[in-house]
N, C-alpha and C. Protein backbone atom coordinates (compact mmCIF):
# COMPACT_ATOMS: atom_id res chain seq x y z
N UNK A 1 -6.39 12.68 13.35
CA UNK A 1 -6.64 12.13 12.03
C UNK A 1 -5.80 10.88 11.82
N UNK A 2 -6.40 9.83 11.30
CA UNK A 2 -5.62 8.61 11.03
C UNK A 2 -4.63 8.83 9.89
N UNK A 3 -3.41 8.35 10.11
CA UNK A 3 -2.36 8.49 9.10
C UNK A 3 -1.84 7.13 8.66
N UNK A 4 -1.49 7.04 7.39
CA UNK A 4 -0.82 5.88 6.84
C UNK A 4 0.58 6.34 6.48
N UNK A 5 1.58 5.63 7.01
CA UNK A 5 2.97 5.95 6.70
C UNK A 5 3.62 4.68 6.19
N UNK A 6 3.96 4.66 4.91
CA UNK A 6 4.53 3.43 4.35
C UNK A 6 5.65 3.74 3.38
N UNK A 7 6.52 2.76 3.24
CA UNK A 7 7.58 2.79 2.23
C UNK A 7 7.27 1.65 1.26
N UNK A 8 7.54 1.88 -0.03
CA UNK A 8 7.18 0.91 -1.06
C UNK A 8 8.39 0.58 -1.93
N UNK A 9 8.42 -0.67 -2.42
CA UNK A 9 9.56 -1.17 -3.19
C UNK A 9 9.08 -2.09 -4.31
N UNK A 10 9.82 -2.05 -5.43
CA UNK A 10 9.65 -3.09 -6.44
C UNK A 10 10.29 -4.35 -5.88
N UNK A 11 9.66 -5.48 -6.12
CA UNK A 11 10.18 -6.75 -5.60
C UNK A 11 10.99 -7.45 -6.68
N UNK A 12 12.14 -7.97 -6.28
CA UNK A 12 12.97 -8.76 -7.18
C UNK A 12 13.12 -10.16 -6.58
N UNK A 13 12.87 -11.15 -7.39
CA UNK A 13 13.00 -12.53 -6.92
C UNK A 13 11.81 -12.97 -6.08
N UNK A 14 11.97 -14.14 -5.48
CA UNK A 14 10.87 -14.73 -4.71
C UNK A 14 11.25 -15.00 -3.26
N UNK A 15 12.32 -14.39 -2.77
CA UNK A 15 12.76 -14.60 -1.39
C UNK A 15 11.72 -14.23 -0.35
N UNK A 16 10.81 -13.34 -0.69
CA UNK A 16 9.75 -12.91 0.23
C UNK A 16 8.79 -14.05 0.56
N UNK A 17 8.66 -15.03 -0.34
CA UNK A 17 7.67 -16.10 -0.15
C UNK A 17 7.92 -16.91 1.12
N UNK A 18 9.17 -16.98 1.58
CA UNK A 18 9.49 -17.72 2.80
C UNK A 18 8.84 -17.08 4.04
N UNK A 19 8.39 -15.83 3.93
CA UNK A 19 7.81 -15.09 5.05
C UNK A 19 6.31 -14.87 4.88
N UNK A 20 5.74 -15.38 3.78
CA UNK A 20 4.36 -15.04 3.41
C UNK A 20 3.32 -15.87 4.14
N UNK A 21 2.24 -15.18 4.52
CA UNK A 21 1.07 -15.84 5.09
C UNK A 21 0.12 -16.25 3.98
N UNK A 22 -1.11 -16.50 4.35
CA UNK A 22 -2.13 -16.92 3.39
C UNK A 22 -2.43 -15.80 2.39
N UNK A 23 -2.69 -16.14 1.14
CA UNK A 23 -3.01 -15.12 0.14
C UNK A 23 -4.41 -14.53 0.38
N UNK A 24 -4.54 -13.24 0.10
CA UNK A 24 -5.83 -12.55 0.13
C UNK A 24 -6.07 -11.97 -1.25
N UNK A 25 -7.12 -12.44 -1.90
CA UNK A 25 -7.46 -11.93 -3.21
C UNK A 25 -8.24 -10.63 -3.03
N UNK A 26 -7.78 -9.55 -3.66
CA UNK A 26 -8.39 -8.24 -3.50
C UNK A 26 -8.78 -7.64 -4.85
N UNK A 27 -9.94 -7.00 -4.85
CA UNK A 27 -10.36 -6.17 -5.98
C UNK A 27 -10.45 -4.74 -5.46
N UNK A 28 -9.85 -3.81 -6.18
CA UNK A 28 -9.91 -2.41 -5.80
C UNK A 28 -10.43 -1.59 -6.96
N UNK A 29 -11.38 -0.72 -6.67
CA UNK A 29 -11.92 0.17 -7.68
C UNK A 29 -11.87 1.60 -7.18
N UNK A 30 -11.60 2.50 -8.10
CA UNK A 30 -11.45 3.91 -7.73
C UNK A 30 -12.62 4.71 -8.27
N UNK A 31 -13.38 5.29 -7.32
CA UNK A 31 -14.54 6.11 -7.64
C UNK A 31 -14.12 7.52 -7.99
N UNK A 32 -13.02 7.97 -7.40
CA UNK A 32 -12.52 9.33 -7.65
C UNK A 32 -11.03 9.39 -7.34
N UNK A 33 -10.34 10.24 -8.07
CA UNK A 33 -8.92 10.51 -7.82
C UNK A 33 -8.61 11.88 -8.38
N UNK A 34 -7.85 12.66 -7.61
CA UNK A 34 -7.47 13.99 -8.08
C UNK A 34 -5.97 14.04 -8.32
N UNK A 35 -5.56 15.05 -9.07
CA UNK A 35 -4.14 15.25 -9.34
C UNK A 35 -3.37 15.56 -8.06
N UNK A 36 -4.06 16.06 -7.05
CA UNK A 36 -3.42 16.40 -5.77
C UNK A 36 -3.29 15.19 -4.86
N UNK A 37 -3.77 14.00 -5.30
CA UNK A 37 -3.57 12.79 -4.53
C UNK A 37 -4.73 12.35 -3.65
N UNK A 38 -5.88 12.99 -3.77
CA UNK A 38 -7.06 12.56 -3.02
C UNK A 38 -7.72 11.41 -3.78
N UNK A 39 -8.01 10.30 -3.09
CA UNK A 39 -8.66 9.16 -3.74
C UNK A 39 -9.82 8.64 -2.90
N UNK A 40 -10.80 8.08 -3.60
CA UNK A 40 -11.91 7.37 -2.98
C UNK A 40 -11.93 5.99 -3.61
N UNK A 41 -11.75 4.97 -2.76
CA UNK A 41 -11.57 3.60 -3.24
C UNK A 41 -12.54 2.66 -2.54
N UNK A 42 -12.97 1.64 -3.29
CA UNK A 42 -13.68 0.51 -2.69
C UNK A 42 -12.76 -0.70 -2.82
N UNK A 43 -12.60 -1.43 -1.71
CA UNK A 43 -11.76 -2.64 -1.73
C UNK A 43 -12.63 -3.80 -1.29
N UNK A 44 -12.62 -4.86 -2.10
CA UNK A 44 -13.39 -6.06 -1.80
C UNK A 44 -12.44 -7.24 -1.64
N UNK A 45 -12.61 -7.95 -0.55
CA UNK A 45 -11.81 -9.14 -0.29
C UNK A 45 -12.64 -10.36 -0.68
N UNK A 46 -11.98 -11.44 -1.05
CA UNK A 46 -12.66 -12.65 -1.53
C UNK A 46 -13.61 -13.24 -0.49
N UNK A 47 -13.37 -12.97 0.78
CA UNK A 47 -14.25 -13.53 1.82
C UNK A 47 -15.52 -12.71 2.03
N UNK A 48 -15.76 -11.70 1.20
CA UNK A 48 -16.97 -10.90 1.28
C UNK A 48 -16.83 -9.60 2.06
N UNK A 49 -15.73 -9.43 2.78
CA UNK A 49 -15.51 -8.17 3.51
C UNK A 49 -15.12 -7.09 2.51
N UNK A 50 -15.53 -5.84 2.83
CA UNK A 50 -15.24 -4.73 1.92
C UNK A 50 -15.16 -3.43 2.70
N UNK A 51 -14.43 -2.47 2.11
CA UNK A 51 -14.22 -1.18 2.75
C UNK A 51 -14.27 -0.07 1.72
N UNK A 52 -14.74 1.09 2.16
CA UNK A 52 -14.62 2.32 1.41
C UNK A 52 -13.49 3.10 2.07
N UNK A 53 -12.53 3.55 1.28
CA UNK A 53 -11.35 4.23 1.82
C UNK A 53 -11.17 5.57 1.13
N UNK A 54 -10.94 6.60 1.93
CA UNK A 54 -10.62 7.92 1.43
C UNK A 54 -9.19 8.23 1.86
N UNK A 55 -8.37 8.66 0.91
CA UNK A 55 -6.98 9.00 1.20
C UNK A 55 -6.68 10.40 0.67
N UNK A 56 -5.81 11.08 1.41
CA UNK A 56 -5.38 12.42 1.00
C UNK A 56 -3.95 12.63 1.47
N UNK A 57 -3.18 13.44 0.73
CA UNK A 57 -1.80 13.69 1.14
C UNK A 57 -1.74 14.36 2.51
N UNK A 58 -0.69 14.04 3.25
CA UNK A 58 -0.38 14.71 4.50
C UNK A 58 1.04 15.25 4.35
N UNK A 59 1.83 15.19 5.39
CA UNK A 59 3.19 15.70 5.32
C UNK A 59 4.17 14.60 4.98
N UNK A 60 5.13 14.86 4.09
CA UNK A 60 6.14 13.87 3.72
C UNK A 60 5.52 12.64 3.07
N UNK A 61 5.90 11.46 3.58
CA UNK A 61 5.37 10.23 3.00
C UNK A 61 4.06 9.80 3.66
N UNK A 62 3.57 10.56 4.61
CA UNK A 62 2.32 10.22 5.30
C UNK A 62 1.12 10.60 4.44
N UNK A 63 0.05 9.82 4.64
CA UNK A 63 -1.22 10.11 3.97
C UNK A 63 -2.34 9.99 5.01
N UNK A 64 -3.32 10.86 4.89
CA UNK A 64 -4.53 10.70 5.69
C UNK A 64 -5.28 9.51 5.11
N UNK A 65 -5.80 8.67 6.00
CA UNK A 65 -6.54 7.50 5.52
C UNK A 65 -7.76 7.27 6.41
N UNK A 66 -8.93 7.27 5.79
CA UNK A 66 -10.19 7.01 6.49
C UNK A 66 -10.81 5.78 5.83
N UNK A 67 -11.11 4.78 6.65
CA UNK A 67 -11.59 3.51 6.11
C UNK A 67 -12.87 3.10 6.83
N UNK A 68 -13.88 2.68 6.04
CA UNK A 68 -15.19 2.33 6.57
C UNK A 68 -15.64 0.99 5.99
N UNK A 69 -16.02 0.08 6.86
CA UNK A 69 -16.50 -1.22 6.40
C UNK A 69 -17.83 -1.03 5.67
N UNK A 70 -18.01 -1.79 4.60
CA UNK A 70 -19.21 -1.72 3.78
C UNK A 70 -19.96 -3.05 3.80
N UNK A 71 -21.28 -3.00 3.72
CA UNK A 71 -22.03 -4.24 3.51
C UNK A 71 -21.65 -4.84 2.15
N UNK A 72 -21.66 -6.15 2.07
CA UNK A 72 -21.25 -6.85 0.85
C UNK A 72 -22.04 -6.39 -0.37
N UNK A 73 -23.36 -6.28 -0.23
CA UNK A 73 -24.19 -5.88 -1.38
C UNK A 73 -23.82 -4.48 -1.86
N UNK A 74 -23.57 -3.57 -0.92
CA UNK A 74 -23.18 -2.21 -1.30
C UNK A 74 -21.84 -2.20 -2.03
N UNK A 75 -20.90 -2.99 -1.53
CA UNK A 75 -19.58 -3.00 -2.16
C UNK A 75 -19.64 -3.56 -3.58
N UNK A 76 -20.46 -4.59 -3.79
CA UNK A 76 -20.61 -5.14 -5.15
C UNK A 76 -21.27 -4.13 -6.07
N UNK A 77 -22.25 -3.37 -5.54
CA UNK A 77 -22.91 -2.34 -6.35
C UNK A 77 -21.91 -1.25 -6.72
N UNK A 78 -21.06 -0.86 -5.76
CA UNK A 78 -20.03 0.14 -6.07
C UNK A 78 -19.02 -0.40 -7.07
N UNK A 79 -18.64 -1.68 -6.93
CA UNK A 79 -17.70 -2.29 -7.87
C UNK A 79 -18.23 -2.19 -9.30
N UNK A 80 -19.53 -2.38 -9.46
CA UNK A 80 -20.13 -2.28 -10.79
C UNK A 80 -20.05 -0.86 -11.35
N UNK A 81 -19.91 0.14 -10.47
CA UNK A 81 -19.88 1.54 -10.90
C UNK A 81 -18.48 2.08 -11.16
N UNK A 82 -17.45 1.45 -10.59
CA UNK A 82 -16.11 2.04 -10.67
C UNK A 82 -15.55 1.95 -12.09
N UNK A 83 -15.01 3.06 -12.56
CA UNK A 83 -14.44 3.04 -13.91
C UNK A 83 -12.99 2.54 -13.97
N UNK A 84 -12.29 2.55 -12.84
CA UNK A 84 -10.88 2.17 -12.84
C UNK A 84 -10.66 1.12 -11.77
N UNK A 85 -10.12 -0.03 -12.19
CA UNK A 85 -10.01 -1.17 -11.30
C UNK A 85 -8.63 -1.80 -11.36
N UNK A 86 -8.32 -2.54 -10.30
CA UNK A 86 -7.17 -3.43 -10.33
C UNK A 86 -7.48 -4.63 -9.45
N UNK A 87 -6.78 -5.71 -9.76
CA UNK A 87 -6.94 -6.95 -9.01
C UNK A 87 -5.54 -7.40 -8.60
N UNK A 88 -5.44 -7.84 -7.34
CA UNK A 88 -4.14 -8.28 -6.85
C UNK A 88 -4.34 -9.32 -5.76
N UNK A 89 -3.27 -10.05 -5.50
CA UNK A 89 -3.23 -10.97 -4.37
C UNK A 89 -2.23 -10.42 -3.39
N UNK A 90 -2.68 -10.28 -2.15
CA UNK A 90 -1.84 -9.70 -1.09
C UNK A 90 -1.40 -10.80 -0.13
N UNK A 91 -0.13 -10.70 0.26
CA UNK A 91 0.44 -11.61 1.24
C UNK A 91 0.98 -10.79 2.40
N UNK A 92 0.48 -11.03 3.62
CA UNK A 92 1.08 -10.43 4.80
C UNK A 92 2.36 -11.20 5.09
N UNK A 93 3.40 -10.48 5.49
CA UNK A 93 4.69 -11.10 5.75
C UNK A 93 5.02 -11.06 7.23
N UNK A 94 5.67 -12.10 7.69
CA UNK A 94 6.14 -12.16 9.07
C UNK A 94 7.58 -11.66 9.11
N UNK A 95 7.73 -10.35 9.28
CA UNK A 95 9.04 -9.71 9.33
C UNK A 95 9.02 -8.64 10.42
N UNK A 96 10.16 -8.39 11.04
CA UNK A 96 10.22 -7.35 12.07
C UNK A 96 10.28 -5.95 11.45
N UNK A 97 9.99 -4.94 12.27
CA UNK A 97 10.22 -3.57 11.86
C UNK A 97 9.07 -2.88 11.16
N UNK A 98 7.88 -3.40 11.27
CA UNK A 98 6.72 -2.78 10.62
C UNK A 98 5.81 -3.85 10.06
N UNK A 99 4.69 -3.42 9.53
CA UNK A 99 3.73 -4.35 8.92
C UNK A 99 4.04 -4.46 7.43
N UNK A 100 4.58 -5.61 7.03
CA UNK A 100 4.98 -5.85 5.65
C UNK A 100 3.89 -6.59 4.89
N UNK A 101 3.68 -6.19 3.62
CA UNK A 101 2.83 -6.94 2.70
C UNK A 101 3.51 -6.95 1.34
N UNK A 102 3.19 -7.97 0.56
CA UNK A 102 3.59 -8.04 -0.84
C UNK A 102 2.32 -8.19 -1.66
N UNK A 103 2.20 -7.37 -2.71
CA UNK A 103 1.07 -7.42 -3.63
C UNK A 103 1.54 -7.92 -4.99
N UNK A 104 0.86 -8.98 -5.46
CA UNK A 104 1.12 -9.55 -6.79
C UNK A 104 -0.06 -9.16 -7.68
N UNK A 105 0.19 -8.33 -8.66
CA UNK A 105 -0.87 -7.77 -9.49
C UNK A 105 -1.25 -8.71 -10.63
N UNK A 106 -2.50 -8.60 -11.04
CA UNK A 106 -3.04 -9.42 -12.12
C UNK A 106 -3.46 -8.53 -13.28
N UNK A 107 -3.92 -9.16 -14.35
CA UNK A 107 -4.45 -8.43 -15.49
C UNK A 107 -3.42 -7.53 -16.14
N UNK A 108 -3.83 -6.28 -16.40
CA UNK A 108 -2.98 -5.33 -17.12
C UNK A 108 -1.78 -4.85 -16.30
N UNK A 109 -1.73 -5.20 -15.02
CA UNK A 109 -0.58 -4.84 -14.19
C UNK A 109 0.33 -6.03 -13.89
N UNK A 110 0.01 -7.20 -14.43
CA UNK A 110 0.87 -8.38 -14.25
C UNK A 110 2.10 -8.22 -15.13
N UNK A 111 3.23 -8.69 -14.70
CA UNK A 111 3.55 -9.46 -13.50
C UNK A 111 4.13 -8.62 -12.37
N UNK A 112 3.63 -7.40 -12.19
CA UNK A 112 4.15 -6.48 -11.18
C UNK A 112 4.00 -7.06 -9.78
N UNK A 113 5.07 -6.95 -8.97
CA UNK A 113 5.06 -7.36 -7.57
C UNK A 113 5.67 -6.22 -6.76
N UNK A 114 4.90 -5.69 -5.80
CA UNK A 114 5.35 -4.59 -4.95
C UNK A 114 5.32 -5.00 -3.49
N UNK A 115 6.25 -4.46 -2.71
CA UNK A 115 6.28 -4.66 -1.26
C UNK A 115 6.03 -3.32 -0.58
N UNK A 116 5.34 -3.38 0.55
CA UNK A 116 5.10 -2.19 1.36
C UNK A 116 5.39 -2.53 2.81
N UNK A 117 5.96 -1.57 3.51
CA UNK A 117 6.09 -1.70 4.96
C UNK A 117 5.41 -0.48 5.57
N UNK A 118 4.43 -0.74 6.45
CA UNK A 118 3.74 0.34 7.14
C UNK A 118 4.46 0.60 8.45
N UNK A 119 4.75 1.87 8.66
CA UNK A 119 5.54 2.30 9.82
C UNK A 119 4.69 3.17 10.75
N UNK A 120 5.10 3.27 12.00
CA UNK A 120 4.42 4.16 12.95
C UNK A 120 4.84 5.60 12.75
N UNK A 121 6.08 5.80 12.28
CA UNK A 121 6.64 7.13 12.09
C UNK A 121 7.53 7.10 10.86
N UNK A 122 7.56 8.19 10.11
CA UNK A 122 8.38 8.24 8.89
C UNK A 122 9.85 8.04 9.17
N UNK A 123 10.29 8.36 10.39
CA UNK A 123 11.71 8.22 10.74
C UNK A 123 12.06 6.83 11.26
N UNK A 124 11.06 5.94 11.40
CA UNK A 124 11.34 4.58 11.89
C UNK A 124 12.34 3.87 11.00
N UNK A 125 13.27 3.15 11.61
CA UNK A 125 14.21 2.36 10.84
C UNK A 125 13.67 0.93 10.71
N UNK A 126 14.11 0.25 9.68
CA UNK A 126 13.70 -1.13 9.45
C UNK A 126 14.78 -1.80 8.63
N UNK A 127 14.83 -3.13 8.71
CA UNK A 127 15.77 -3.88 7.89
C UNK A 127 15.14 -4.09 6.53
N UNK A 128 15.84 -3.64 5.50
CA UNK A 128 15.34 -3.78 4.13
C UNK A 128 15.78 -5.13 3.58
N UNK A 129 14.83 -6.03 3.32
CA UNK A 129 15.20 -7.35 2.80
C UNK A 129 15.87 -7.26 1.42
N UNK A 130 16.68 -8.25 1.10
CA UNK A 130 17.42 -8.27 -0.16
C UNK A 130 16.50 -8.30 -1.38
N UNK A 131 15.28 -8.82 -1.22
CA UNK A 131 14.35 -8.91 -2.34
C UNK A 131 13.61 -7.59 -2.61
N UNK A 132 13.86 -6.58 -1.78
CA UNK A 132 13.32 -5.24 -2.05
C UNK A 132 14.27 -4.54 -3.00
N UNK A 133 13.81 -4.30 -4.20
CA UNK A 133 14.62 -3.62 -5.20
C UNK A 133 14.46 -2.11 -5.07
N UNK A 134 14.25 -1.46 -6.18
CA UNK A 134 14.15 -0.01 -6.24
C UNK A 134 13.05 0.50 -5.31
N UNK A 135 13.38 1.51 -4.50
CA UNK A 135 12.34 2.13 -3.66
C UNK A 135 11.51 3.06 -4.53
N UNK A 136 10.18 2.96 -4.39
CA UNK A 136 9.26 3.76 -5.20
C UNK A 136 8.34 4.62 -4.33
N UNK A 137 8.69 4.76 -3.06
CA UNK A 137 7.90 5.59 -2.14
C UNK A 137 7.73 6.98 -2.72
N UNK A 138 6.51 7.45 -2.77
CA UNK A 138 6.22 8.80 -3.23
C UNK A 138 6.20 8.99 -4.73
N UNK A 139 6.51 7.95 -5.51
CA UNK A 139 6.47 8.06 -6.97
C UNK A 139 5.04 7.75 -7.43
N UNK A 140 4.35 8.78 -7.85
CA UNK A 140 2.93 8.69 -8.15
C UNK A 140 2.52 7.60 -9.12
N UNK A 141 3.35 7.29 -10.11
CA UNK A 141 2.96 6.30 -11.12
C UNK A 141 2.80 4.90 -10.54
N UNK A 142 3.35 4.67 -9.34
CA UNK A 142 3.28 3.34 -8.71
C UNK A 142 2.14 3.23 -7.70
N UNK A 143 1.40 4.28 -7.44
CA UNK A 143 0.30 4.18 -6.49
C UNK A 143 -0.75 3.23 -7.07
N UNK A 144 -1.51 2.60 -6.20
CA UNK A 144 -2.56 1.71 -6.68
C UNK A 144 -3.57 2.46 -7.54
N UNK A 145 -3.89 3.69 -7.15
CA UNK A 145 -4.82 4.48 -7.95
C UNK A 145 -4.26 4.72 -9.35
N UNK A 146 -2.98 5.10 -9.43
CA UNK A 146 -2.36 5.34 -10.74
C UNK A 146 -2.34 4.06 -11.57
N UNK A 147 -2.05 2.92 -10.93
CA UNK A 147 -2.03 1.64 -11.66
C UNK A 147 -3.41 1.23 -12.14
N UNK A 148 -4.46 1.66 -11.43
CA UNK A 148 -5.83 1.38 -11.89
C UNK A 148 -6.17 2.25 -13.09
N UNK A 149 -5.72 3.51 -13.07
CA UNK A 149 -6.00 4.44 -14.16
C UNK A 149 -5.11 4.18 -15.37
N UNK A 150 -3.83 3.88 -15.12
CA UNK A 150 -2.87 3.66 -16.20
C UNK A 150 -2.01 2.45 -15.85
N UNK A 151 -2.52 1.25 -16.15
CA UNK A 151 -1.77 0.03 -15.82
C UNK A 151 -0.44 -0.03 -16.57
N UNK A 152 0.48 -0.81 -16.02
CA UNK A 152 1.83 -0.84 -16.61
C UNK A 152 1.83 -1.36 -18.04
N UNK A 153 0.82 -2.15 -18.41
CA UNK A 153 0.77 -2.63 -19.80
C UNK A 153 0.57 -1.47 -20.78
N UNK A 154 0.10 -0.32 -20.31
CA UNK A 154 -0.10 0.84 -21.18
C UNK A 154 1.09 1.79 -21.18
N UNK A 155 2.10 1.52 -20.32
CA UNK A 155 3.27 2.38 -20.26
C UNK A 155 4.11 2.21 -21.52
N UNK A 156 4.80 3.26 -21.95
CA UNK A 156 5.72 3.11 -23.08
C UNK A 156 6.80 2.07 -22.75
N UNK A 157 7.23 1.36 -23.76
CA UNK A 157 8.22 0.30 -23.58
C UNK A 157 9.47 0.81 -22.86
N UNK A 158 9.95 1.99 -23.22
CA UNK A 158 11.16 2.52 -22.59
C UNK A 158 10.97 2.71 -21.09
N UNK A 159 9.80 3.14 -20.68
CA UNK A 159 9.52 3.33 -19.25
C UNK A 159 9.48 1.99 -18.53
N UNK A 160 8.85 1.00 -19.14
CA UNK A 160 8.82 -0.35 -18.53
C UNK A 160 10.22 -0.92 -18.40
N UNK A 161 11.03 -0.75 -19.43
CA UNK A 161 12.39 -1.28 -19.39
C UNK A 161 13.24 -0.56 -18.37
N UNK A 162 13.05 0.73 -18.21
CA UNK A 162 13.80 1.52 -17.23
C UNK A 162 13.58 0.96 -15.80
N UNK A 163 12.42 0.40 -15.58
CA UNK A 163 12.09 -0.14 -14.26
C UNK A 163 12.25 -1.66 -14.19
N UNK A 164 12.87 -2.26 -15.21
CA UNK A 164 13.10 -3.70 -15.19
C UNK A 164 11.86 -4.51 -15.48
N UNK A 165 10.88 -3.94 -16.18
CA UNK A 165 9.63 -4.63 -16.49
C UNK A 165 9.61 -5.04 -17.96
N UNK A 166 10.70 -5.64 -18.40
CA UNK A 166 10.87 -5.96 -19.83
C UNK A 166 9.94 -7.05 -20.32
N UNK A 167 9.47 -7.92 -19.45
CA UNK A 167 8.69 -9.08 -19.89
C UNK A 167 7.21 -8.74 -20.14
N UNK A 168 6.82 -7.53 -19.87
CA UNK A 168 5.41 -7.17 -19.99
C UNK A 168 5.07 -6.86 -21.43
């Protein structure tokens, strides 16, 4: 079974930009999500490529992930059906120790910026850049699905402030 193993962080500052590749504009819509962490997502990239992704919890920080490329017309039709959406710009980073990306969220999740490093094994070590703030790995409210269902603009002010999101 394919597994996704990643660590996630709130981003502080703009030091990550020195390592960033070309931006990828992404739209993500959630067709289904359960309290147990199972999700069905459609992801559309600005270049017309799209995927249907199914995710489910595995052991520890790992998740089962099944991803299938979709025809453009099908993905647009699914986008029209999804009740919960988010839009973000993703930057792949040139850093050692795993596959790093930074996501800059738009709309009701702006100005949220998150970093992820995908690892081969949960025990893999990596150098944590200074611009990686609080680790949010495994905290459900920060998952993309949760942010689509309950964007940070809808969070109580005290919760936003607790996480340093005072400007929202």
